[in-house]
Amino acid sequence: MSEAKSQIESLRKWVVEHKLRAVGCLWLSGITGSIAYNWSRPNMKPSVKIIHARLHAQALTLGALAGAALVEYYDHKK
């Protein structure tokens, strides 16, 4: 149990120190995954596939920013 807690604590510490890098990596993986998923759907234009991928990545980025804000809030409160 303490080993899992230390892993979570080290992940939290890394996110606090590298907020923008964490959000950027999440955005990049989100847009890559979304493009891969959308390209497997044959009945869409390529422009629509790219727009959907961008929208998915933006939603994921907003979630990541909210998560980083919660981590920052928890860090300041602690």
PDB file of N, CA and C in Angstrom:
ATOM      1  N   MET A   1       0.826  -1.198   0.000  1.00  0.00           N
ATOM      2  CA  MET A   1       0.000   0.000   0.000  1.00  0.00           C
ATOM      3  C   MET A   1       0.868   1.260   0.000  1.00  0.00           C
ATOM      4  N   SER A   2       1.912   1.256   0.818  1.00  0.00           N
ATOM      5  CA  SER A   2       2.776   2.436   0.884  1.00  0.00           C
ATOM      6  C   SER A   2       3.569   2.622  -0.408  1.00  0.00           C
ATOM      7  N   GLU A   3       3.865   1.504  -1.099  1.00  0.00           N
ATOM      8  CA  GLU A   3       4.577   1.602  -2.373  1.00  0.00           C
ATOM      9  C   GLU A   3       3.706   2.299  -3.419  1.00  0.00           C
ATOM     10  N   ALA A   4       2.426   1.956  -3.465  1.00  0.00           N
ATOM     11  CA  ALA A   4       1.504   2.612  -4.403  1.00  0.00           C
ATOM     12  C   ALA A   4       1.334   4.082  -4.037  1.00  0.00           C
ATOM     13  N   LYS A   5       1.292   4.369  -2.752  1.00  0.00           N
ATOM     14  CA  LYS A   5       1.144   5.756  -2.302  1.00  0.00           C
ATOM     15  C   LYS A   5       2.375   6.575  -2.681  1.00  0.00           C
ATOM     16  N   SER A   6       3.556   5.989  -2.567  1.00  0.00           N
ATOM     17  CA  SER A   6       4.773   6.713  -2.934  1.00  0.00           C
ATOM     18  C   SER A   6       4.835   6.950  -4.444  1.00  0.00           C
ATOM     19  N   GLN A   7       4.319   6.009  -5.242  1.00  0.00           N
ATOM     20  CA  GLN A   7       4.278   6.206  -6.691  1.00  0.00           C
ATOM     21  C   GLN A   7       3.324   7.337  -7.047  1.00  0.00           C
ATOM     22  N   ILE A   8       2.180   7.379  -6.390  1.00  0.00           N
ATOM     23  CA  ILE A   8       1.225   8.455  -6.636  1.00  0.00           C
ATOM     24  C   ILE A   8       1.812   9.787  -6.201  1.00  0.00           C
ATOM     25  N   GLU A   9       2.490   9.801  -5.081  1.00  0.00           N
ATOM     26  CA  GLU A   9       3.114  11.025  -4.586  1.00  0.00           C
ATOM     27  C   GLU A   9       4.220  11.503  -5.529  1.00  0.00           C
ATOM     28  N   SER A  10       5.006  10.579  -6.058  1.00  0.00           N
ATOM     29  CA  SER A  10       6.060  10.988  -6.991  1.00  0.00           C
ATOM     30  C   SER A  10       5.463  11.489  -8.307  1.00  0.00           C
ATOM     31  N   LEU A  11       4.357  10.887  -8.757  1.00  0.00           N
ATOM     32  CA  LEU A  11       3.673  11.368  -9.953  1.00  0.00           C
ATOM     33  C   LEU A  11       3.097  12.760  -9.717  1.00  0.00           C
ATOM     34  N   ARG A  12       2.501  12.972  -8.553  1.00  0.00           N
ATOM     35  CA  ARG A  12       1.952  14.289  -8.213  1.00  0.00           C
ATOM     36  C   ARG A  12       3.057  15.332  -8.184  1.00  0.00           C
ATOM     37  N   LYS A  13       4.191  14.988  -7.601  1.00  0.00           N
ATOM     38  CA  LYS A  13       5.314  15.923  -7.520  1.00  0.00           C
ATOM     39  C   LYS A  13       5.825  16.271  -8.919  1.00  0.00           C
ATOM     40  N   TRP A  14       5.891  15.265  -9.817  1.00  0.00           N
ATOM     41  CA  TRP A  14       6.345  15.524 -11.181  1.00  0.00           C
ATOM     42  C   TRP A  14       5.374  16.456 -11.902  1.00  0.00           C
ATOM     43  N   VAL A  15       4.067  16.229 -11.729  1.00  0.00           N
ATOM     44  CA  VAL A  15       3.065  17.079 -12.383  1.00  0.00           C
ATOM     45  C   VAL A  15       3.162  18.510 -11.864  1.00  0.00           C
ATOM     46  N   VAL A  16       3.376  18.667 -10.560  1.00  0.00           N
ATOM     47  CA  VAL A  16       3.508  20.012  -9.996  1.00  0.00           C
ATOM     48  C   VAL A  16       4.727  20.721 -10.586  1.00  0.00           C
ATOM     49  N   GLU A  17       5.821  20.007 -10.761  1.00  0.00           N
ATOM     50  CA  GLU A  17       7.041  20.612 -11.285  1.00  0.00           C
ATOM     51  C   GLU A  17       6.999  20.835 -12.793  1.00  0.00           C
ATOM     52  N   HIS A  18       6.249  20.030 -13.524  1.00  0.00           N
ATOM     53  CA  HIS A  18       6.228  20.089 -14.991  1.00  0.00           C
ATOM     54  C   HIS A  18       4.793  20.181 -15.514  1.00  0.00           C
ATOM     55  N   LYS A  19       4.055  21.158 -15.081  1.00  0.00           N
ATOM     56  CA  LYS A  19       2.635  21.280 -15.467  1.00  0.00           C
ATOM     57  C   LYS A  19       2.453  21.385 -16.976  1.00  0.00           C
ATOM     58  N   LEU A  20       3.155  22.313 -17.588  1.00  0.00           N
ATOM     59  CA  LEU A  20       2.956  22.527 -19.027  1.00  0.00           C
ATOM     60  C   LEU A  20       3.428  21.332 -19.846  1.00  0.00           C
ATOM     61  N   ARG A  21       4.496  20.704 -19.438  1.00  0.00           N
ATOM     62  CA  ARG A  21       4.976  19.521 -20.147  1.00  0.00           C
ATOM     63  C   ARG A  21       3.962  18.387 -20.051  1.00  0.00           C
ATOM     64  N   ALA A  22       3.364  18.225 -18.870  1.00  0.00           N
ATOM     65  CA  ALA A  22       2.359  17.167 -18.692  1.00  0.00           C
ATOM     66  C   ALA A  22       1.130  17.426 -19.560  1.00  0.00           C
ATOM     67  N   VAL A  23       0.669  18.676 -19.577  1.00  0.00           N
ATOM     68  CA  VAL A  23      -0.499  19.019 -20.394  1.00  0.00           C
ATOM     69  C   VAL A  23      -0.166  18.871 -21.879  1.00  0.00           C
ATOM     70  N   GLY A  24       1.020  19.293 -22.283  1.00  0.00           N
ATOM     71  CA  GLY A  24       1.427  19.168 -23.684  1.00  0.00           C
ATOM     72  C   GLY A  24       1.528  17.718 -24.134  1.00  0.00           C
ATOM     73  N   CYS A  25       2.087  16.874 -23.288  1.00  0.00           N
ATOM     74  CA  CYS A  25       2.187  15.445 -23.626  1.00  0.00           C
ATOM     75  C   CYS A  25       0.804  14.815 -23.711  1.00  0.00           C
ATOM     76  N   LEU A  26      -0.074  15.215 -22.810  1.00  0.00           N
ATOM     77  CA  LEU A  26      -1.435  14.691 -22.845  1.00  0.00           C
ATOM     78  C   LEU A  26      -2.146  15.153 -24.113  1.00  0.00           C
ATOM     79  N   TRP A  27      -1.955  16.415 -24.498  1.00  0.00           N
ATOM     80  CA  TRP A  27      -2.564  16.929 -25.722  1.00  0.00           C
ATOM     81  C   TRP A  27      -2.041  16.169 -26.933  1.00  0.00           C
ATOM     82  N   LEU A  28      -0.730  15.978 -26.997  1.00  0.00           N
ATOM     83  CA  LEU A  28      -0.136  15.291 -28.138  1.00  0.00           C
ATOM     84  C   LEU A  28      -0.626  13.849 -28.242  1.00  0.00           C
ATOM     85  N   SER A  29      -0.691  13.151 -27.124  1.00  0.00           N
ATOM     86  CA  SER A  29      -1.190  11.774 -27.171  1.00  0.00           C
ATOM     87  C   SER A  29      -2.678  11.746 -27.502  1.00  0.00           C
ATOM     88  N   GLY A  30      -3.428  12.737 -27.029  1.00  0.00           N
ATOM     89  CA  GLY A  30      -4.856  12.804 -27.341  1.00  0.00           C
ATOM     90  C   GLY A  30      -5.123  13.040 -28.811  1.00  0.00           C
ATOM     91  N   ILE A  31      -4.400  13.966 -29.405  1.00  0.00           N
ATOM     92  CA  ILE A  31      -4.631  14.249 -30.823  1.00  0.00           C
ATOM     93  C   ILE A  31      -4.144  13.093 -31.691  1.00  0.00           C
ATOM     94  N   THR A  32      -3.049  12.446 -31.286  1.00  0.00           N
ATOM     95  CA  THR A  32      -2.560  11.287 -32.047  1.00  0.00           C
ATOM     96  C   THR A  32      -3.558  10.137 -31.996  1.00  0.00           C
ATOM     97  N   GLY A  33      -4.065   9.855 -30.813  1.00  0.00           N
ATOM     98  CA  GLY A  33      -5.047   8.783 -30.674  1.00  0.00           C
ATOM     99  C   GLY A  33      -6.342   9.092 -31.407  1.00  0.00           C
ATOM    100  N   SER A  34      -6.768  10.339 -31.349  1.00  0.00           N
ATOM    101  CA  SER A  34      -8.004  10.718 -32.016  1.00  0.00           C
ATOM    102  C   SER A  34      -7.864  10.661 -33.534  1.00  0.00           C
ATOM    103  N   ILE A  35      -6.722  11.085 -34.052  1.00  0.00           N
ATOM    104  CA  ILE A  35      -6.503  10.990 -35.499  1.00  0.00           C
ATOM    105  C   ILE A  35      -6.482   9.522 -35.921  1.00  0.00           C
ATOM    106  N   ALA A  36      -5.818   8.688 -35.142  1.00  0.00           N
ATOM    107  CA  ALA A  36      -5.778   7.256 -35.474  1.00  0.00           C
ATOM    108  C   ALA A  36      -7.185   6.662 -35.463  1.00  0.00           C
ATOM    109  N   TYR A  37      -7.983   7.033 -34.475  1.00  0.00           N
ATOM    110  CA  TYR A  37      -9.353   6.520 -34.403  1.00  0.00           C
ATOM    111  C   TYR A  37     -10.195   7.039 -35.570  1.00  0.00           C
ATOM    112  N   ASN A  38     -10.117   8.331 -35.843  1.00  0.00           N
ATOM    113  CA  ASN A  38     -10.927   8.911 -36.914  1.00  0.00           C
ATOM    114  C   ASN A  38     -10.509   8.406 -38.284  1.00  0.00           C
ATOM    115  N   TRP A  39      -9.230   8.090 -38.474  1.00  0.00           N
ATOM    116  CA  TRP A  39      -8.789   7.598 -39.779  1.00  0.00           C
ATOM    117  C   TRP A  39      -9.306   6.194 -40.054  1.00  0.00           C
ATOM    118  N   SER A  40      -9.711   5.491 -39.014  1.00  0.00           N
ATOM    119  CA  SER A  40     -10.262   4.154 -39.229  1.00  0.00           C
ATOM    120  C   SER A  40     -11.734   4.203 -39.644  1.00  0.00           C
ATOM    121  N   ARG A  41     -12.331   5.363 -39.598  1.00  0.00           N
ATOM    122  CA  ARG A  41     -13.732   5.533 -40.012  1.00  0.00           C
ATOM    123  C   ARG A  41     -13.769   5.995 -41.463  1.00  0.00           C
ATOM    124  N   PRO A  42     -14.248   5.156 -42.380  1.00  0.00           N
ATOM    125  CA  PRO A  42     -14.122   5.456 -43.816  1.00  0.00           C
ATOM    126  C   PRO A  42     -15.121   6.480 -44.362  1.00  0.00           C
ATOM    127  N   ASN A  43     -16.190   6.772 -43.678  1.00  0.00           N
ATOM    128  CA  ASN A  43     -17.247   7.606 -44.262  1.00  0.00           C
ATOM    129  C   ASN A  43     -17.125   9.079 -43.898  1.00  0.00           C
ATOM    130  N   MET A  44     -15.930   9.543 -43.577  1.00  0.00           N
ATOM    131  CA  MET A  44     -15.740  10.946 -43.215  1.00  0.00           C
ATOM    132  C   MET A  44     -14.675  11.569 -44.124  1.00  0.00           C
ATOM    133  N   LYS A  45     -14.841  12.862 -44.413  1.00  0.00           N
ATOM    134  CA  LYS A  45     -13.828  13.591 -45.169  1.00  0.00           C
ATOM    135  C   LYS A  45     -12.589  13.765 -44.291  1.00  0.00           C
ATOM    136  N   PRO A  46     -11.424  13.869 -44.887  1.00  0.00           N
ATOM    137  CA  PRO A  46     -10.209  14.089 -44.089  1.00  0.00           C
ATOM    138  C   PRO A  46     -10.259  15.375 -43.266  1.00  0.00           C
ATOM    139  N   SER A  47     -10.875  16.431 -43.800  1.00  0.00           N
ATOM    140  CA  SER A  47     -10.959  17.684 -43.041  1.00  0.00           C
ATOM    141  C   SER A  47     -11.817  17.513 -41.790  1.00  0.00           C
ATOM    142  N   VAL A  48     -12.880  16.748 -41.890  1.00  0.00           N
ATOM    143  CA  VAL A  48     -13.743  16.493 -40.733  1.00  0.00           C
ATOM    144  C   VAL A  48     -13.006  15.636 -39.708  1.00  0.00           C
ATOM    145  N   LYS A  49     -12.213  14.693 -40.183  1.00  0.00           N
ATOM    146  CA  LYS A  49     -11.430  13.854 -39.273  1.00  0.00           C
ATOM    147  C   LYS A  49     -10.452  14.702 -38.465  1.00  0.00           C
ATOM    148  N   ILE A  50      -9.799  15.652 -39.125  1.00  0.00           N
ATOM    149  CA  ILE A  50      -8.835  16.517 -38.441  1.00  0.00           C
ATOM    150  C   ILE A  50      -9.538  17.431 -37.457  1.00  0.00           C
ATOM    151  N   ILE A  51     -10.695  17.965 -37.837  1.00  0.00           N
ATOM    152  CA  ILE A  51     -11.448  18.836 -36.932  1.00  0.00           C
ATOM    153  C   ILE A  51     -11.904  18.064 -35.705  1.00  0.00           C
ATOM    154  N   HIS A  52     -12.384  16.853 -35.879  1.00  0.00           N
ATOM    155  CA  HIS A  52     -12.802  16.041 -34.734  1.00  0.00           C
ATOM    156  C   HIS A  52     -11.621  15.721 -33.823  1.00  0.00           C
ATOM    157  N   ALA A  53     -10.486  15.406 -34.421  1.00  0.00           N
ATOM    158  CA  ALA A  53      -9.288  15.111 -33.624  1.00  0.00           C
ATOM    159  C   ALA A  53      -8.886  16.327 -32.803  1.00  0.00           C
ATOM    160  N   ARG A  54      -8.948  17.503 -33.406  1.00  0.00           N
ATOM    161  CA  ARG A  54      -8.592  18.727 -32.688  1.00  0.00           C
ATOM    162  C   ARG A  54      -9.553  18.995 -31.539  1.00  0.00           C
ATOM    163  N   LEU A  55     -10.840  18.783 -31.775  1.00  0.00           N
ATOM    164  CA  LEU A  55     -11.835  19.004 -30.726  1.00  0.00           C
ATOM    165  C   LEU A  55     -11.644  18.029 -29.566  1.00  0.00           C
ATOM    166  N   HIS A  56     -11.355  16.766 -29.881  1.00  0.00           N
ATOM    167  CA  HIS A  56     -11.109  15.784 -28.825  1.00  0.00           C
ATOM    168  C   HIS A  56      -9.878  16.171 -28.011  1.00  0.00           C
ATOM    169  N   ALA A  57      -8.830  16.595 -28.699  1.00  0.00           N
ATOM    170  CA  ALA A  57      -7.601  16.978 -28.005  1.00  0.00           C
ATOM    171  C   ALA A  57      -7.823  18.222 -27.147  1.00  0.00           C
ATOM    172  N   GLN A  58      -8.620  19.165 -27.619  1.00  0.00           N
ATOM    173  CA  GLN A  58      -8.904  20.362 -26.822  1.00  0.00           C
ATOM    174  C   GLN A  58      -9.687  20.008 -25.569  1.00  0.00           C
ATOM    175  N   ALA A  59     -10.651  19.113 -25.695  1.00  0.00           N
ATOM    176  CA  ALA A  59     -11.421  18.689 -24.518  1.00  0.00           C
ATOM    177  C   ALA A  59     -10.507  17.983 -23.513  1.00  0.00           C
ATOM    178  N   LEU A  60      -9.626  17.148 -24.007  1.00  0.00           N
ATOM    179  CA  LEU A  60      -8.682  16.457 -23.132  1.00  0.00           C
ATOM    180  C   LEU A  60      -7.742  17.453 -22.456  1.00  0.00           C
ATOM    181  N   THR A  61      -7.315  18.477 -23.186  1.00  0.00           N
ATOM    182  CA  THR A  61      -6.439  19.501 -22.618  1.00  0.00           C
ATOM    183  C   THR A  61      -7.152  20.289 -21.530  1.00  0.00           C
ATOM    184  N   LEU A  62      -8.407  20.626 -21.755  1.00  0.00           N
ATOM    185  CA  LEU A  62      -9.162  21.337 -20.713  1.00  0.00           C
ATOM    186  C   LEU A  62      -9.282  20.486 -19.454  1.00  0.00           C
ATOM    187  N   GLY A  63      -9.512  19.196 -19.638  1.00  0.00           N
ATOM    188  CA  GLY A  63      -9.557  18.294 -18.482  1.00  0.00           C
ATOM    189  C   GLY A  63      -8.212  18.230 -17.774  1.00  0.00           C
ATOM    190  N   ALA A  64      -7.128  18.205 -18.540  1.00  0.00           N
ATOM    191  CA  ALA A  64      -5.791  18.171 -17.945  1.00  0.00           C
ATOM    192  C   ALA A  64      -5.490  19.458 -17.198  1.00  0.00           C
ATOM    193  N   LEU A  65      -5.887  20.591 -17.745  1.00  0.00           N
ATOM    194  CA  LEU A  65      -5.680  21.863 -17.049  1.00  0.00           C
ATOM    195  C   LEU A  65      -6.485  21.921 -15.760  1.00  0.00           C
ATOM    196  N   ALA A  66      -7.707  21.421 -15.790  1.00  0.00           N
ATOM    197  CA  ALA A  66      -8.514  21.366 -14.568  1.00  0.00           C
ATOM    198  C   ALA A  66      -7.865  20.448 -13.543  1.00  0.00           C
ATOM    199  N   GLY A  67      -7.336  19.315 -13.993  1.00  0.00           N
ATOM    200  CA  GLY A  67      -6.638  18.407 -13.088  1.00  0.00           C
ATOM    201  C   GLY A  67      -5.394  19.049 -12.501  1.00  0.00           C
ATOM    202  N   ALA A  68      -4.634  19.774 -13.324  1.00  0.00           N
ATOM    203  CA  ALA A  68      -3.440  20.462 -12.823  1.00  0.00           C
ATOM    204  C   ALA A  68      -3.824  21.544 -11.823  1.00  0.00           C
ATOM    205  N   ALA A  69      -4.947  22.212 -12.065  1.00  0.00           N
ATOM    206  CA  ALA A  69      -5.410  23.218 -11.111  1.00  0.00           C
ATOM    207  C   ALA A  69      -5.793  22.572  -9.786  1.00  0.00           C
ATOM    208  N   LEU A  70      -6.428  21.421  -9.841  1.00  0.00           N
ATOM    209  CA  LEU A  70      -6.782  20.714  -8.602  1.00  0.00           C
ATOM    210  C   LEU A  70      -5.532  20.265  -7.842  1.00  0.00           C
ATOM    211  N   VAL A  71      -4.540  19.785  -8.568  1.00  0.00           N
ATOM    212  CA  VAL A  71      -3.293  19.383  -7.921  1.00  0.00           C
ATOM    213  C   VAL A  71      -2.623  20.591  -7.275  1.00  0.00           C
ATOM    214  N   GLU A  72      -2.622  21.710  -7.977  1.00  0.00           N
ATOM    215  CA  GLU A  72      -2.038  22.937  -7.419  1.00  0.00           C
ATOM    216  C   GLU A  72      -2.799  23.405  -6.192  1.00  0.00           C
ATOM    217  N   TYR A  73      -4.118  23.349  -6.243  1.00  0.00           N
ATOM    218  CA  TYR A  73      -4.941  23.748  -5.103  1.00  0.00           C
ATOM    219  C   TYR A  73      -4.659  22.845  -3.908  1.00  0.00           C
ATOM    220  N   TYR A  74      -4.606  21.545  -4.152  1.00  0.00           N
ATOM    221  CA  TYR A  74      -4.335  20.578  -3.079  1.00  0.00           C
ATOM    222  C   TYR A  74      -2.934  20.811  -2.511  1.00  0.00           C
ATOM    223  N   ASP A  75      -1.975  21.132  -3.383  1.00  0.00           N
ATOM    224  CA  ASP A  75      -0.606  21.364  -2.940  1.00  0.00           C
ATOM    225  C   ASP A  75      -0.511  22.605  -2.054  1.00  0.00           C
ATOM    226  N   HIS A  76      -1.232  23.667  -2.420  1.00  0.00           N
ATOM    227  CA  HIS A  76      -1.211  24.890  -1.609  1.00  0.00           C
ATOM    228  C   HIS A  76      -1.959  24.714  -0.295  1.00  0.00           C
ATOM    229  N   LYS A  77      -3.021  23.923  -0.332  1.00  0.00           N
ATOM    230  CA  LYS A  77      -3.799  23.709   0.871  1.00  0.00           C
ATOM    231  C   LYS A  77      -3.020  22.850   1.869  1.00  0.00           C
ATOM    232  N   LYS A  78      -2.234  21.923   1.353  1.00  0.00           N
ATOM    233  CA  LYS A  78      -1.440  21.032   2.190  1.00  0.00           C
ATOM    234  C   LYS A  78      -0.240  21.762   2.689  1.00  0.00           C
TER     235      LYS A  78
END
